[in-house]
C-alpha atoms as a PDB file:
ATOM      1  CA  MET A   1     -13.928   4.166 -36.988  1.00  0.00           C
ATOM      2  CA  SER A   2     -10.808   5.526 -38.825  1.00  0.00           C
ATOM      3  CA  VAL A   3      -7.601   7.299 -38.531  1.00  0.00           C
ATOM      4  CA  ARG A   4      -8.195  11.251 -38.617  1.00  0.00           C
ATOM      5  CA  SER A   5      -4.291  11.978 -37.898  1.00  0.00           C
ATOM      6  CA  THR A   6      -1.439  10.239 -35.449  1.00  0.00           C
ATOM      7  CA  ALA A   7       1.660  10.498 -34.022  1.00  0.00           C
ATOM      8  CA  PRO A   8       5.116  10.667 -36.171  1.00  0.00           C
ATOM      9  CA  ASN A   9       5.890   7.155 -33.152  1.00  0.00           C
ATOM     10  CA  GLY A  10       2.487   5.360 -34.721  1.00  0.00           C
ATOM     11  CA  VAL A  11       2.346   2.713 -36.323  1.00  0.00           C
ATOM     12  CA  ILE A  12      -1.472   2.939 -37.454  1.00  0.00           C
ATOM     13  CA  ASN A  13      -2.545   5.516 -39.707  1.00  0.00           C
ATOM     14  CA  GLU A  14      -5.502   6.786 -42.546  1.00  0.00           C
ATOM     15  CA  ASN A  15      -5.704   2.801 -43.675  1.00  0.00           C
ATOM     16  CA  THR A  16      -6.309   1.446 -40.830  1.00  0.00           C
ATOM     17  CA  ILE A  17     -10.145   0.447 -39.650  1.00  0.00           C
ATOM     18  CA  PHE A  18     -11.594   0.227 -36.481  1.00  0.00           C
ATOM     19  CA  ASP A  19     -14.451  -1.803 -35.514  1.00  0.00           C
ATOM     20  CA  PHE A  20     -15.395  -1.785 -31.577  1.00  0.00           C
ATOM     21  CA  GLN A  21     -18.261  -3.139 -29.663  1.00  0.00           C
ATOM     22  CA  GLN A  22     -19.483  -1.749 -25.874  1.00  0.00           C
ATOM     23  CA  ILE A  23     -21.071  -4.838 -24.068  1.00  0.00           C
ATOM     24  CA  GLU A  24     -21.655  -2.450 -21.072  1.00  0.00           C
ATOM     25  CA  ASN A  25     -18.872  -1.026 -19.097  1.00  0.00           C
ATOM     26  CA  LEU A  26     -16.561  -3.841 -21.553  1.00  0.00           C
ATOM     27  CA  ILE A  27     -14.950  -2.077 -24.578  1.00  0.00           C
ATOM     28  CA  THR A  28     -13.735  -4.113 -27.311  1.00  0.00           C
ATOM     29  CA  ALA A  29     -12.243  -3.441 -31.117  1.00  0.00           C
ATOM     30  CA  LYS A  30     -10.816  -5.367 -33.751  1.00  0.00           C
ATOM     31  CA  TYR A  31      -8.305  -3.279 -36.763  1.00  0.00           C
ATOM     32  CA  GLU A  32      -6.421  -3.587 -39.649  1.00  0.00           C
ATOM     33  CA  GLY A  33      -5.146  -1.934 -42.337  1.00  0.00           C
ATOM     34  CA  GLY A  34      -2.244  -0.018 -43.750  1.00  0.00           C
ATOM     35  CA  LYS A  35       0.984  -1.047 -41.332  1.00  0.00           C
ATOM     36  CA  ILE A  36      -1.373  -3.886 -39.116  1.00  0.00           C
ATOM     37  CA  LYS A  37      -2.187  -7.355 -40.275  1.00  0.00           C
ATOM     38  CA  THR A  38      -4.030  -7.729 -37.123  1.00  0.00           C
ATOM     39  CA  GLY A  39      -4.782  -5.567 -34.128  1.00  0.00           C
ATOM     40  CA  PHE A  40      -6.733  -5.708 -31.007  1.00  0.00           C
ATOM     41  CA  LEU A  41      -8.069  -2.969 -27.621  1.00  0.00           C
ATOM     42  CA  ILE A  42     -10.086  -4.979 -25.391  1.00  0.00           C
ATOM     43  CA  GLY A  43     -10.643  -1.340 -22.133  1.00  0.00           C
ATOM     44  CA  LYS A  44     -13.530  -0.172 -20.000  1.00  0.00           C
ATOM     45  CA  ILE A  45     -14.879   2.908 -19.620  1.00  0.00           C
ATOM     46  CA  ASN A  46     -13.433   4.399 -16.138  1.00  0.00           C
ATOM     47  CA  GLU A  47     -14.607   8.393 -15.280  1.00  0.00           C
ATOM     48  CA  GLY A  48     -16.287   9.212 -19.571  1.00  0.00           C
ATOM     49  CA  ARG A  49     -12.212   7.814 -20.899  1.00  0.00           C
ATOM     50  CA  LEU A  50     -11.863   5.132 -22.453  1.00  0.00           C
ATOM     51  CA  GLU A  51      -9.283   2.688 -20.825  1.00  0.00           C
ATOM     52  CA  PHE A  52      -7.129   0.148 -23.283  1.00  0.00           C
ATOM     53  CA  GLN A  53      -4.574  -2.131 -23.894  1.00  0.00           C
ATOM     54  CA  TYR A  54      -3.684  -3.067 -27.112  1.00  0.00           C
ATOM     55  CA  THR A  55      -1.349  -5.823 -28.828  1.00  0.00           C
ATOM     56  CA  GLN A  56      -1.068  -5.778 -32.674  1.00  0.00           C
ATOM     57  CA  MET A  57       0.592  -7.562 -35.096  1.00  0.00           C
ATOM     58  CA  HIS A  58       2.219  -5.189 -38.082  1.00  0.00           C
ATOM     59  CA  ASP A  59       2.604  -6.050 -41.354  1.00  0.00           C
ATOM     60  CA  ASP A  60       6.115  -6.991 -41.111  1.00  0.00           C
ATOM     61  CA  GLU A  61       5.262  -9.313 -38.317  1.00  0.00           C
ATOM     62  CA  GLN A  62       6.577  -7.630 -36.066  1.00  0.00           C
ATOM     63  CA  LEU A  63       4.282  -7.930 -32.407  1.00  0.00           C
ATOM     64  CA  ALA A  64       4.290  -4.658 -29.715  1.00  0.00           C
ATOM     65  CA  GLY A  65       1.534  -3.403 -27.948  1.00  0.00           C
ATOM     66  CA  GLY A  66       0.743  -1.141 -25.212  1.00  0.00           C
ATOM     67  CA  HIS A  67      -2.035   0.876 -23.704  1.00  0.00           C
ATOM     68  CA  SER A  68      -4.342   4.271 -23.606  1.00  0.00           C
ATOM     69  CA  ILE A  69      -6.385   6.911 -22.647  1.00  0.00           C
ATOM     70  CA  CYS A  70      -8.961   7.232 -24.507  1.00  0.00           C
ATOM     71  CA  ASP A  71     -11.025  11.397 -24.235  1.00  0.00           C
ATOM     72  CA  ILE A  72     -14.216  11.012 -25.992  1.00  0.00           C
ATOM     73  CA  GLU A  73     -15.595  13.879 -28.264  1.00  0.00           C
ATOM     74  CA  SER A  74     -18.009  14.258 -30.692  1.00  0.00           C
ATOM     75  CA  THR A  75     -17.523  16.286 -33.961  1.00  0.00           C
ATOM     76  CA  GLU A  76     -19.625  19.052 -35.171  1.00  0.00           C
ATOM     77  CA  ASP A  77     -21.896  16.677 -37.119  1.00  0.00           C
ATOM     78  CA  GLY A  78     -22.234  14.413 -33.981  1.00  0.00           C
ATOM     79  CA  ARG A  79     -20.199  11.256 -34.812  1.00  0.00           C
ATOM     80  CA  ILE A  80     -17.529  10.555 -31.657  1.00  0.00           C
ATOM     81  CA  LYS A  81     -14.333  11.013 -32.224  1.00  0.00           C
ATOM     82  CA  LEU A  82     -11.746   9.340 -29.930  1.00  0.00           C
ATOM     83  CA  ILE A  83      -8.368  11.205 -29.142  1.00  0.00           C
ATOM     84  CA  GLU A  84      -6.501   8.760 -28.079  1.00  0.00           C
ATOM     85  CA  HIS A  85      -3.217   9.094 -25.429  1.00  0.00           C
ATOM     86  CA  PHE A  86      -0.974   6.181 -25.788  1.00  0.00           C
ATOM     87  CA  GLU A  87       2.187   4.367 -24.847  1.00  0.00           C
ATOM     88  CA  TRP A  88       3.972   1.786 -26.294  1.00  0.00           C
ATOM     89  CA  SER A  89       5.561  -1.334 -24.092  1.00  0.00           C
ATOM     90  CA  SER A  90       9.035   1.056 -24.278  1.00  0.00           C
ATOM     91  CA  GLY A  91       7.767   3.539 -22.589  1.00  0.00           C
ATOM     92  CA  GLU A  92       6.973   6.137 -26.006  1.00  0.00           C
ATOM     93  CA  LYS A  93       3.972   8.290 -25.949  1.00  0.00           C
ATOM     94  CA  GLY A  94       2.211   9.656 -28.074  1.00  0.00           C
ATOM     95  CA  MET A  95      -1.812  10.586 -29.500  1.00  0.00           C
ATOM     96  CA  ASN A  96      -3.843   9.554 -32.322  1.00  0.00           C
ATOM     97  CA  VAL A  97      -7.239  11.005 -33.129  1.00  0.00           C
ATOM     98  CA  ILE A  98      -9.489   8.039 -34.223  1.00  0.00           C
ATOM     99  CA  GLU A  99     -13.207   8.717 -35.896  1.00  0.00           C
ATOM    100  CA  GLU A 100     -16.046   7.549 -36.248  1.00  0.00           C
ATOM    101  CA  THR A 101     -17.210   6.846 -39.828  1.00  0.00           C
ATOM    102  CA  VAL A 102     -20.166   6.866 -41.685  1.00  0.00           C
END
């Protein structure tokens, strides 16, 4: 999956690629690219939404993390689209849009 849009206080960008895995209710992802050296999501499906904790290392080696809730939608051509409402550990909030790539 790749980033379609990001909040001004977000760090991921169009060069960040996510590789998601699902085992029953457990959802994980590794992501990297752009300003992200490496990052990890771990979460679950809860009432049709995804709940995640995330941690990442930026290309300047700063460590950051937080949590997010993702609404799951479909694009017009049937691909998965996640609307991520995130909150950094610092309390700053924002929204990202991440879509399945073909």
